C-alpha atoms as a PDB file:
ATOM      1  CA  MET A   1     114.016 132.641  30.313  1.00  0.00           C
ATOM      2  CA  SER A   2     115.239 132.248  33.858  1.00  0.00           C
ATOM      3  CA  ARG A   3     115.658 129.199  35.582  1.00  0.00           C
ATOM      4  CA  ILE A   4     112.481 130.135  38.118  1.00  0.00           C
ATOM      5  CA  ALA A   5     110.246 130.696  35.107  1.00  0.00           C
ATOM      6  CA  GLN A   6     111.198 127.181  33.504  1.00  0.00           C
ATOM      7  CA  THR A   7     110.912 125.521  36.730  1.00  0.00           C
ATOM      8  CA  SER A   8     107.222 127.171  37.433  1.00  0.00           C
ATOM      9  CA  LEU A   9     106.453 126.167  33.636  1.00  0.00           C
ATOM     10  CA  THR A  10     107.081 122.815  34.239  1.00  0.00           C
ATOM     11  CA  VAL A  11     105.445 122.283  37.412  1.00  0.00           C
ATOM     12  CA  LEU A  12     102.208 123.739  35.828  1.00  0.00           C
ATOM     13  CA  TRP A  13     102.557 121.501  32.814  1.00  0.00           C
ATOM     14  CA  LEU A  14     102.843 118.537  35.283  1.00  0.00           C
ATOM     15  CA  ALA A  15      99.717 119.647  37.213  1.00  0.00           C
ATOM     16  CA  TYR A  16      97.464 119.860  34.298  1.00  0.00           C
ATOM     17  CA  SER A  17      98.593 116.585  32.770  1.00  0.00           C
ATOM     18  CA  MET A  18      98.222 114.388  36.014  1.00  0.00           C
ATOM     19  CA  PRO A  19      94.447 114.488  35.988  1.00  0.00           C
ATOM     20  CA  ALA A  20      94.119 112.577  32.667  1.00  0.00           C
ATOM     21  CA  LEU A  21      96.520 109.854  34.012  1.00  0.00           C
ATOM     22  CA  GLY A  22      94.251 109.491  36.897  1.00  0.00           C
ATOM     23  CA  ASP A  23      91.277 108.915  34.547  1.00  0.00           C
ATOM     24  CA  VAL A  24      93.073 106.100  32.642  1.00  0.00           C
ATOM     25  CA  THR A  25      93.938 104.283  35.831  1.00  0.00           C
ATOM     26  CA  GLY A  26      90.202 104.629  37.104  1.00  0.00           C
ATOM     27  CA  CYS A  27      89.112 103.350  33.896  1.00  0.00           C
ATOM     28  CA  LYS A  28      91.268 100.297  34.079  1.00  0.00           C
ATOM     29  CA  ALA A  29      90.563  99.794  37.637  1.00  0.00           C
ATOM     30  CA  ALA A  30      86.660  99.884  37.086  1.00  0.00           C
ATOM     31  CA  TYR A  31      87.285  97.457  33.985  1.00  0.00           C
ATOM     32  CA  ALA A  32      89.446  94.885  36.297  1.00  0.00           C
ATOM     33  CA  ARG A  33      86.310  94.849  38.883  1.00  0.00           C
ATOM     34  CA  GLN A  34      84.000  94.355  35.905  1.00  0.00           C
ATOM     35  CA  ASP A  35      82.238  97.860  36.358  1.00  0.00           C
ATOM     36  CA  TYR A  36      82.014  98.347  32.705  1.00  0.00           C
ATOM     37  CA  THR A  37      79.898 101.615  33.008  1.00  0.00           C
ATOM     38  CA  THR A  38      82.223 103.355  34.780  1.00  0.00           C
ATOM     39  CA  ALA A  39      85.217 101.797  32.863  1.00  0.00           C
ATOM     40  CA  LEU A  40      83.560 103.414  29.652  1.00  0.00           C
ATOM     41  CA  GLN A  41      82.859 106.729  31.198  1.00  0.00           C
ATOM     42  CA  GLU A  42      86.434 107.345  32.431  1.00  0.00           C
ATOM     43  CA  CYS A  43      88.116 106.044  29.297  1.00  0.00           C
ATOM     44  CA  ARG A  44      85.768 108.137  26.989  1.00  0.00           C
ATOM     45  CA  ALA A  45      86.489 111.206  29.143  1.00  0.00           C
ATOM     46  CA  ALA A  46      90.320 110.472  29.036  1.00  0.00           C
ATOM     47  CA  ALA A  47      90.382 110.013  25.269  1.00  0.00           C
ATOM     48  CA  GLU A  48      88.506 113.135  24.610  1.00  0.00           C
ATOM     49  CA  GLU A  49      90.864 114.863  26.479  1.00  0.00           C
ATOM     50  CA  GLY A  50      93.421 113.377  24.088  1.00  0.00           C
ATOM     51  CA  ASP A  51      94.843 110.484  26.144  1.00  0.00           C
ATOM     52  CA  ALA A  52      96.510 108.266  23.649  1.00  0.00           C
ATOM     53  CA  ASP A  53      96.510 105.365  26.133  1.00  0.00           C
ATOM     54  CA  ALA A  54      92.665 105.616  26.600  1.00  0.00           C
ATOM     55  CA  GLN A  55      92.106 106.260  22.765  1.00  0.00           C
ATOM     56  CA  THR A  56      93.969 102.918  21.750  1.00  0.00           C
ATOM     57  CA  SER A  57      94.503 100.466  24.489  1.00  0.00           C
ATOM     58  CA  ALA A  58      93.182 101.133  27.887  1.00  0.00           C
ATOM     59  CA  LEU A  59      91.290  98.085  28.242  1.00  0.00           C
ATOM     60  CA  ARG A  60      93.490  95.521  27.196  1.00  0.00           C
END
């Protein structure tokens, strides 16, 4: 596989994985400001997408 193809695939992979990271960050921020409804919604969405942090310890 060419270097350009490898780089393109890496960029695409990172672009698709970043939204999940944002969900957990938003989840933790909502929990910190005691907005538990939003925290639960955001953590649940991230957990359903397979985010291990959201599935196990996002609110600790």
